[in-house]
Structure formats: C-alpha cells, structure tokens
Amino acid sequence: MLSVLVTLCCAGLVTAEYQPNWPSLDARPLPSWYDEGKFGIFLVWGVYSVPSFGSEWFWERWQGPKPNKTYVDFMTKNYPPGFSYADFAPLLKAELFDPDEWAKLISDAGAKYVVLTTKHHGGYTLWPSKYSWNWNSMDTGPHRDLVGDLATAIHEYSDIHFGLYYSLFEWFHPLYLKDKANGYKTQEYVSEVMLPQMYELVNNYKPEIVWSDGDWEANDTYWNSTEFL
C-alpha cells in the first residue's frame, strides 16, 4: 500500500517551480519543521465513531464483499433489522466537540502537528463538501463544519502545523465502482468527486500537510497524482 504524505511548502519557504512528474516532485525539500517535529497527533473521526466497534473500516467489514461475522453479529445484537450504515450519520452529533479545547490540549501535549481525518473510505466528509451531497457533517449529523472549526482553532497556535487526511477512493461510491469495472480506464470519480474535494480542502482550509490514502487499487495516473501535486 502506498500512503502519500504531501507536505505543502508555502509562505515563501519554497519558490521553485515543479513539473507534474515524479523526478521533479521528489526533488522538493522536506520542510525543516516536519523533519524536526518528532511528535504529532492523528485524529480518526467519522460516522464509524458512532458504533465505536472494531475500527474505521466498520462499514466494509459489515457489508463489504466478504462480511466479517463479528461485525454482522454486533449489528444483529445491537440494532434493529433494516438499520443501514447511513442511519449512523444523524447520530454523529459532536455535541461535546470544543475545537478550542482540542487545540489547547494538542499544544499542551507538545505536538508539533495534527492531522484530522476529513473523509475515510466510506465517503462521509467532515466538511460541507459540494461533492458529497447529504453525506457530510453540515447536511447530516452535527450540522457544522468540523474541519473548519478545528482549522480555525489550530491556526491560533503558531507552534502547531495543521494537516488533513483524505481517502482517495470510496468503497461504495457508484462512480468509483464504475471506473473500477472499466479497469480504471475512465476517471469519472476522480474528475467529479476526488479532485474537486481535494481542491476544496486545500483552498478552504490551507493545510500544511495533505495525507492521502486509499490509492492501492489503481495506479497514480488514474488518481492524477502528479497534476494535483
């Protein structure tokens, strides 16, 4: 599995221009703060936090191609027949989420960077993405921009660098499954969902790290990785 850590060098630190190919992109220097910041915090949060069983892979383990009996039994025991994964979303209320308190705790802990899971493989976004209608934290669940709230709080602390995790693929998105069925010779999901969402994150929240994941089923040309970078 290839997990790509993209460090966005900004604020005048890097003025060189790079070409959309790996030799050029790999020549980018590692920011000194990242090399020296030995302690960071990774926040994994989403709809899967409601059942809080197993891991963030809950949906796939429960209803994927090879359902895991442990997850199936958990649902049978604790939820009524017909309960869907989407039914968890309204229960993600985040009523105890205080971004200022989180930011202070992260700073007090001595962490030099924080990375928030903005979207895992289930597709639910923690920001009001225009490309995830009714499957985002503004439309369904807490009815707030969780990414934006935390970004604002973190940016008040000059000693913390703000990063965002983003899953490239989605287990059950029809456009992704269509591209997959086409042997990844089409890129409808990439052009209509993935890239627009990644641009939303970068342009709206100004992260210093974009940690992408979920790329292993296709090659980098399908994801249009070099062009995005």
Protein backbone atom coordinates (compact mmCIF):
# COMPACT_ATOMS: atom_id res chain seq x y z
CA MET A 1 0.00 0.00 0.00
CA LEU A 2 1.24 3.42 -0.89
CA SER A 3 0.33 6.14 1.57
CA VAL A 4 1.31 9.50 0.18
CA LEU A 5 2.33 12.27 2.56
CA VAL A 6 2.19 15.56 0.71
CA THR A 7 3.78 18.48 2.50
CA LEU A 8 2.68 21.79 1.12
CA CYS A 9 5.55 24.22 1.23
CA CYS A 10 4.13 27.69 1.40
CA ALA A 11 4.58 31.11 2.94
CA GLY A 12 7.59 31.80 0.75
CA LEU A 13 9.60 28.85 2.02
CA VAL A 14 9.88 27.33 -1.43
CA THR A 15 9.86 29.46 -4.55
CA ALA A 16 10.96 26.85 -7.09
CA GLU A 17 8.50 25.59 -9.68
CA TYR A 18 7.99 21.88 -10.17
CA GLN A 19 6.75 19.83 -13.07
CA PRO A 20 3.98 17.18 -12.90
CA ASN A 21 6.33 14.22 -12.86
CA TRP A 22 7.86 12.23 -10.03
CA PRO A 23 11.54 13.15 -10.51
CA SER A 24 10.66 16.82 -10.28
CA LEU A 25 8.20 16.44 -7.40
CA ASP A 26 10.52 14.16 -5.45
CA ALA A 27 13.15 16.90 -5.56
CA ARG A 28 11.08 19.11 -3.26
CA PRO A 29 12.84 19.72 0.06
CA LEU A 30 11.32 18.44 3.28
CA PRO A 31 10.26 21.40 5.43
CA SER A 32 12.52 21.73 8.45
CA TRP A 33 9.56 21.91 10.83
CA TYR A 34 8.35 18.49 9.72
CA ASP A 35 11.77 16.91 9.96
CA GLU A 36 12.28 18.37 13.41
CA GLY A 37 8.74 17.94 14.72
CA LYS A 38 9.02 14.43 16.11
CA PHE A 39 5.59 14.32 17.74
CA GLY A 40 2.27 14.78 16.01
CA ILE A 41 -1.32 13.69 16.62
CA PHE A 42 -3.52 11.85 14.11
CA LEU A 43 -7.27 12.20 14.69
CA VAL A 44 -9.52 9.47 13.26
CA TRP A 45 -13.16 10.57 13.47
CA GLY A 46 -16.26 9.89 11.43
CA VAL A 47 -19.57 8.06 11.18
CA TYR A 48 -17.80 4.88 12.32
CA SER A 49 -17.27 6.60 15.68
CA VAL A 50 -20.97 6.12 16.45
CA PRO A 51 -20.93 2.31 16.72
CA SER A 52 -17.34 2.56 18.02
CA PHE A 53 -16.76 -1.08 17.24
CA GLY A 54 -13.73 -2.57 15.55
CA SER A 55 -12.22 0.24 13.51
CA GLU A 56 -12.89 2.91 10.90
CA TRP A 57 -13.29 0.01 8.45
CA PHE A 58 -16.62 -0.82 10.13
CA TRP A 59 -18.84 -0.42 7.06
CA GLU A 60 -16.67 -2.57 4.81
CA ARG A 61 -16.26 -5.24 7.50
CA TRP A 62 -20.01 -5.32 8.00
CA GLN A 63 -21.34 -5.05 4.45
CA GLY A 64 -18.35 -5.38 2.13
CA PRO A 65 -17.71 -8.20 -0.36
CA LYS A 66 -16.62 -10.51 2.47
CA PRO A 67 -18.64 -9.59 5.58
CA ASN A 68 -16.93 -10.26 8.88
CA LYS A 69 -19.15 -12.36 11.16
CA THR A 70 -18.03 -10.43 14.24
CA TYR A 71 -19.36 -7.20 12.76
CA VAL A 72 -22.53 -8.81 11.44
CA ASP A 73 -23.25 -10.29 14.86
CA PHE A 74 -22.62 -6.93 16.53
CA MET A 75 -25.22 -5.27 14.32
CA THR A 76 -27.73 -8.08 14.77
CA LYS A 77 -27.38 -7.87 18.54
CA ASN A 78 -27.44 -4.08 18.93
CA TYR A 79 -29.52 -2.61 16.08
CA PRO A 80 -32.94 -3.35 14.56
CA PRO A 81 -33.40 -5.14 11.22
CA GLY A 82 -33.02 -2.81 8.26
CA PHE A 83 -30.68 -0.42 10.06
CA SER A 84 -28.21 0.92 7.50
CA TYR A 85 -24.77 2.46 7.82
CA ALA A 86 -26.27 5.77 6.69
CA ASP A 87 -28.53 5.65 9.75
CA PHE A 88 -25.46 6.18 11.93
CA ALA A 89 -24.78 9.61 10.43
CA PRO A 90 -27.60 11.54 12.18
CA LEU A 91 -26.30 10.10 15.46
CA LEU A 92 -22.89 11.74 14.96
CA LYS A 93 -23.83 14.86 16.88
CA ALA A 94 -20.36 16.01 18.05
CA GLU A 95 -22.13 17.80 20.89
CA LEU A 96 -19.02 17.67 23.10
CA PHE A 97 -16.64 18.86 20.40
CA ASP A 98 -14.85 22.02 21.52
CA PRO A 99 -12.19 22.85 18.90
CA ASP A 100 -10.53 25.45 21.13
CA GLU A 101 -10.19 22.89 23.91
CA TRP A 102 -8.76 20.36 21.44
CA ALA A 103 -6.25 22.87 20.10
CA LYS A 104 -5.09 23.80 23.59
CA LEU A 105 -4.75 20.13 24.55
CA ILE A 106 -2.72 19.41 21.42
CA SER A 107 -0.44 22.37 22.12
CA ASP A 108 -0.05 21.50 25.80
CA ALA A 109 0.87 17.94 24.81
CA GLY A 110 3.81 19.30 22.83
CA ALA A 111 2.58 18.06 19.44
CA LYS A 112 4.07 19.97 16.53
CA TYR A 113 1.44 18.94 14.00
CA VAL A 114 -2.03 17.47 13.90
CA VAL A 115 -3.76 15.57 11.08
CA LEU A 116 -7.56 15.21 11.00
CA THR A 117 -9.36 12.52 9.04
CA THR A 118 -11.61 14.57 6.75
CA LYS A 119 -13.02 11.61 4.81
CA HIS A 120 -12.40 7.91 5.20
CA HIS A 121 -13.24 5.16 2.72
CA GLY A 122 -16.97 5.40 3.48
CA GLY A 123 -17.13 8.82 1.81
CA TYR A 124 -18.69 10.87 4.63
CA THR A 125 -16.93 14.23 4.80
CA LEU A 126 -16.31 16.29 7.92
CA TRP A 127 -16.72 19.47 5.93
CA PRO A 128 -19.66 20.73 3.80
CA SER A 129 -18.37 19.36 0.51
CA LYS A 130 -20.37 20.32 -2.55
CA TYR A 131 -19.42 16.94 -3.98
CA SER A 132 -20.86 14.82 -1.16
CA TRP A 133 -24.48 15.90 -1.03
CA ASN A 134 -26.29 14.87 2.16
CA TRP A 135 -23.30 12.77 3.20
CA ASN A 136 -21.33 15.41 5.06
CA SER A 137 -21.19 16.89 8.53
CA MET A 138 -23.15 20.00 7.61
CA ASP A 139 -26.12 18.27 5.97
CA THR A 140 -26.30 15.20 8.21
CA GLY A 141 -25.14 14.73 11.78
CA PRO A 142 -23.63 17.60 13.76
CA HIS A 143 -24.66 20.26 11.17
CA ARG A 144 -21.34 22.05 11.41
CA ASP A 145 -18.08 22.31 9.53
CA LEU A 146 -15.87 20.15 11.75
CA VAL A 147 -12.77 20.63 9.59
CA GLY A 148 -13.23 24.38 9.51
CA ASP A 149 -13.89 24.64 13.23
CA LEU A 150 -10.71 22.75 14.09
CA ALA A 151 -8.67 24.60 11.45
CA THR A 152 -9.67 27.97 12.92
CA ALA A 153 -8.74 26.84 16.42
CA ILE A 154 -5.42 25.28 15.41
CA HIS A 155 -4.38 28.32 13.39
CA GLU A 156 -4.45 30.35 16.62
CA TYR A 157 -1.41 28.36 17.78
CA SER A 158 1.76 29.22 15.91
CA ASP A 159 3.50 26.12 17.27
CA ILE A 160 1.09 23.63 15.65
CA HIS A 161 1.06 22.77 11.94
CA PHE A 162 -2.35 21.80 10.57
CA GLY A 163 -2.79 18.73 8.37
CA LEU A 164 -5.64 16.85 6.75
CA TYR A 165 -6.08 13.17 5.89
CA TYR A 166 -8.16 12.35 2.81
CA SER A 167 -9.17 8.96 1.39
CA LEU A 168 -8.81 8.89 -2.37
CA PHE A 169 -11.22 6.04 -3.01
CA GLU A 170 -14.64 5.16 -1.60
CA TRP A 171 -15.78 1.58 -1.09
CA PHE A 172 -19.30 2.03 -2.39
CA HIS A 173 -19.33 5.20 -4.50
CA PRO A 174 -21.07 4.34 -7.80
CA LEU A 175 -18.68 6.42 -9.91
CA TYR A 176 -15.65 4.78 -8.33
CA LEU A 177 -17.15 1.33 -8.82
CA LYS A 178 -17.89 2.24 -12.43
CA ASP A 179 -14.27 3.28 -13.04
CA LYS A 180 -13.12 0.11 -11.31
CA ALA A 181 -15.35 -2.03 -13.55
CA ASN A 182 -13.80 -0.25 -16.54
CA GLY A 183 -10.33 -1.27 -15.42
CA TYR A 184 -9.61 2.32 -14.36
CA LYS A 185 -9.57 3.43 -17.99
CA THR A 186 -12.20 6.02 -17.11
CA GLN A 187 -11.80 8.70 -14.44
CA GLU A 188 -15.31 9.91 -13.68
CA TYR A 189 -14.87 9.52 -9.93
CA VAL A 190 -11.52 11.32 -9.97
CA SER A 191 -12.73 14.28 -12.01
CA GLU A 192 -16.17 14.64 -10.44
CA VAL A 193 -15.51 13.77 -6.80
CA MET A 194 -11.93 13.19 -5.67
CA LEU A 195 -10.05 16.11 -7.22
CA PRO A 196 -12.81 18.67 -6.57
CA GLN A 197 -12.92 17.60 -2.91
CA MET A 198 -9.15 17.80 -2.53
CA TYR A 199 -9.15 21.29 -4.02
CA GLU A 200 -11.90 22.25 -1.57
CA LEU A 201 -9.72 21.12 1.33
CA VAL A 202 -6.57 22.87 0.14
CA ASN A 203 -8.23 26.13 -0.90
CA ASN A 204 -10.62 26.44 2.03
CA TYR A 205 -8.53 25.23 4.96
CA LYS A 206 -4.89 25.86 3.94
CA PRO A 207 -3.41 22.66 5.40
CA GLU A 208 0.35 22.27 5.60
CA ILE A 209 0.03 18.50 5.22
CA VAL A 210 -2.29 16.55 2.94
CA TRP A 211 -2.11 12.89 3.91
CA SER A 212 -3.77 10.85 1.17
CA ASP A 213 -4.71 7.19 1.48
CA GLY A 214 -6.73 4.55 -0.35
CA ASP A 215 -4.74 4.56 -3.55
CA TRP A 216 -3.74 0.90 -3.73
CA GLU A 217 -6.42 -0.35 -6.12
CA ALA A 218 -5.25 1.84 -9.01
CA ASN A 219 -2.05 3.46 -10.22
CA ASP A 220 -1.01 7.08 -9.84
CA THR A 221 -2.11 8.03 -13.35
CA TYR A 222 -5.71 7.12 -12.53
CA TRP A 223 -5.60 9.36 -9.46
CA ASN A 224 -3.92 12.13 -11.46
CA SER A 225 -1.48 12.43 -8.59
CA THR A 226 1.29 14.40 -10.22
CA GLU A 227 -1.07 17.01 -11.66
CA PHE A 228 -2.65 17.58 -8.27
CA LEU A 229 0.70 17.96 -6.55
